[in-house]
């Protein structure tokens, strides 16, 4: 299997973990020293490190689960995906997602280690149906 195909499968595993609110599965998709910029109003500096990122998502999952009263928190559709090799064991992923009336752009750097393909860095931004930037209401 090619690196790009493996990275695409790793990306889907990460999104699947978000859809069902599984912080443990989400954590397995992340490098120990991961950095993330997430479109959360109360987190303008982003997160550094697996524990911080998993903690941030775990709190968001709790809020979403309580508000939605369902096991599936969101359905994420990958509208576009591209993976560009940056060098041995590194890929840049660019992806356009849709979830509800929102669209999200994600730029992700993946690295390969003994643990498989893991996210080293993720930058996220969201747009509403009108095309303007918007924070997810339950995540801000």
Protein backbone atom coordinates (compact mmCIF):
# COMPACT_ATOMS: atom_id res chain seq x y z
CA UNK A 1 0.00 0.00 0.00
CA UNK A 2 1.35 3.44 -0.89
CA UNK A 3 2.11 6.07 1.72
CA UNK A 4 -0.65 8.36 0.41
CA UNK A 5 -3.24 5.59 0.74
CA UNK A 6 -2.06 4.80 4.27
CA UNK A 7 -2.20 8.47 5.23
CA UNK A 8 -5.73 8.74 3.85
CA UNK A 9 -6.78 5.75 6.00
CA UNK A 10 -5.12 7.36 9.03
CA UNK A 11 -7.02 10.60 8.34
CA UNK A 12 -10.32 8.70 8.19
CA UNK A 13 -9.53 6.99 11.54
CA UNK A 14 -9.00 10.42 13.11
CA UNK A 15 -12.29 11.73 11.70
CA UNK A 16 -14.13 8.55 12.78
CA UNK A 17 -12.90 9.12 16.36
CA UNK A 18 -14.31 12.66 16.26
CA UNK A 19 -17.64 11.50 14.86
CA UNK A 20 -18.25 9.15 17.80
CA UNK A 21 -16.41 11.20 20.42
CA UNK A 22 -13.73 8.60 21.18
CA UNK A 23 -10.87 10.51 22.81
CA UNK A 24 -8.74 7.37 23.26
CA UNK A 25 -8.94 6.47 19.56
CA UNK A 26 -8.28 10.11 18.67
CA UNK A 27 -5.15 10.08 20.85
CA UNK A 28 -3.76 7.07 19.00
CA UNK A 29 -3.83 9.16 15.81
CA UNK A 30 -1.55 11.83 17.28
CA UNK A 31 2.21 12.08 17.73
CA UNK A 32 3.33 12.72 21.30
CA UNK A 33 4.53 16.22 20.41
CA UNK A 34 1.59 17.14 18.13
CA UNK A 35 0.54 20.76 17.69
CA UNK A 36 -2.95 21.83 16.69
CA UNK A 37 -4.72 25.03 15.92
CA UNK A 38 -8.44 24.41 16.40
CA UNK A 39 -11.24 26.90 15.73
CA UNK A 40 -12.27 27.16 19.39
CA UNK A 41 -13.07 30.66 20.67
CA UNK A 42 -11.47 29.99 24.04
CA UNK A 43 -8.24 28.61 22.62
CA UNK A 44 -6.59 31.14 20.36
CA UNK A 45 -3.07 29.84 20.95
CA UNK A 46 -3.76 26.26 19.91
CA UNK A 47 -2.66 23.12 21.73
CA UNK A 48 0.74 21.49 22.16
CA UNK A 49 1.23 17.83 23.00
CA UNK A 50 -0.98 14.76 22.74
CA UNK A 51 -2.36 15.08 26.30
CA UNK A 52 -3.44 18.70 25.75
CA UNK A 53 -5.10 17.94 22.40
CA UNK A 54 -6.88 14.84 23.71
CA UNK A 55 -8.02 16.78 26.78
CA UNK A 56 -9.41 19.58 24.63
CA UNK A 57 -11.36 17.13 22.45
CA UNK A 58 -12.54 15.09 25.46
CA UNK A 59 -14.07 18.23 27.00
CA UNK A 60 -15.71 19.17 23.69
CA UNK A 61 -17.06 15.62 23.32
CA UNK A 62 -18.65 15.82 26.80
CA UNK A 63 -20.38 19.11 25.96
CA UNK A 64 -21.57 17.81 22.59
CA UNK A 65 -22.77 14.50 24.03
CA UNK A 66 -24.79 16.30 26.72
CA UNK A 67 -26.30 18.76 24.23
CA UNK A 68 -27.09 16.20 21.54
CA UNK A 69 -27.97 13.20 23.72
CA UNK A 70 -26.65 10.80 21.07
CA UNK A 71 -23.69 8.49 20.60
CA UNK A 72 -22.78 9.85 17.15
CA UNK A 73 -21.78 13.46 17.67
CA UNK A 74 -21.31 14.58 14.08
CA UNK A 75 -21.16 13.14 10.58
CA UNK A 76 -18.08 14.27 8.68
CA UNK A 77 -17.91 13.98 4.91
CA UNK A 78 -14.55 14.34 3.18
CA UNK A 79 -15.26 16.48 0.13
CA UNK A 80 -11.66 16.65 -1.03
CA UNK A 81 -8.42 15.06 0.04
CA UNK A 82 -4.90 15.44 -1.26
CA UNK A 83 -1.67 14.04 0.15
CA UNK A 84 1.68 15.36 -0.98
CA UNK A 85 4.88 13.63 0.07
CA UNK A 86 7.26 16.05 1.75
CA UNK A 87 10.06 13.53 2.16
CA UNK A 88 10.56 10.06 3.50
CA UNK A 89 7.94 9.41 6.17
CA UNK A 90 6.25 12.85 5.94
CA UNK A 91 3.08 13.97 4.12
CA UNK A 92 1.13 17.19 3.84
CA UNK A 93 -2.61 16.54 3.75
CA UNK A 94 -5.12 19.14 2.61
CA UNK A 95 -8.76 18.30 3.12
CA UNK A 96 -12.13 19.98 2.77
CA UNK A 97 -14.76 18.57 5.12
CA UNK A 98 -18.47 19.10 5.53
CA UNK A 99 -20.45 18.56 8.72
CA UNK A 100 -23.99 19.84 8.99
CA UNK A 101 -24.14 23.31 7.44
CA UNK A 102 -20.44 23.86 8.09
CA UNK A 103 -17.41 23.38 5.90
CA UNK A 104 -13.96 22.91 7.31
CA UNK A 105 -10.51 23.17 5.81
CA UNK A 106 -7.77 21.11 7.38
CA UNK A 107 -4.04 21.24 6.71
CA UNK A 108 -2.28 18.33 8.35
CA UNK A 109 1.31 17.12 8.51
CA UNK A 110 1.66 13.38 9.04
CA UNK A 111 4.80 11.58 10.10
CA UNK A 112 5.50 7.87 10.14
CA UNK A 113 7.02 6.09 13.12
CA UNK A 114 6.90 2.65 14.73
CA UNK A 115 3.33 3.58 15.78
CA UNK A 116 2.29 4.12 12.15
CA UNK A 117 1.12 7.36 10.55
CA UNK A 118 0.40 10.02 13.15
CA UNK A 119 -0.55 13.68 13.05
CA UNK A 120 2.38 15.99 13.80
CA UNK A 121 0.48 19.23 13.15
CA UNK A 122 -3.09 20.15 12.25
CA UNK A 123 -4.48 23.57 11.36
CA UNK A 124 -8.28 23.83 11.22
CA UNK A 125 -10.63 26.53 10.03
CA UNK A 126 -14.39 26.44 9.49
CA UNK A 127 -16.84 28.25 7.23
CA UNK A 128 -20.61 28.45 7.51
CA UNK A 129 -23.03 28.08 4.59
CA UNK A 130 -22.57 31.75 3.62
CA UNK A 131 -18.81 31.23 3.31
CA UNK A 132 -17.80 33.29 6.34
CA UNK A 133 -15.60 32.00 9.13
CA UNK A 134 -17.52 30.64 12.07
CA UNK A 135 -16.79 28.76 15.26
CA UNK A 136 -18.69 25.52 15.85
CA UNK A 137 -21.36 26.50 18.40
CA UNK A 138 -20.67 23.63 20.78
CA UNK A 139 -16.92 23.76 20.55
CA UNK A 140 -16.14 27.41 21.20
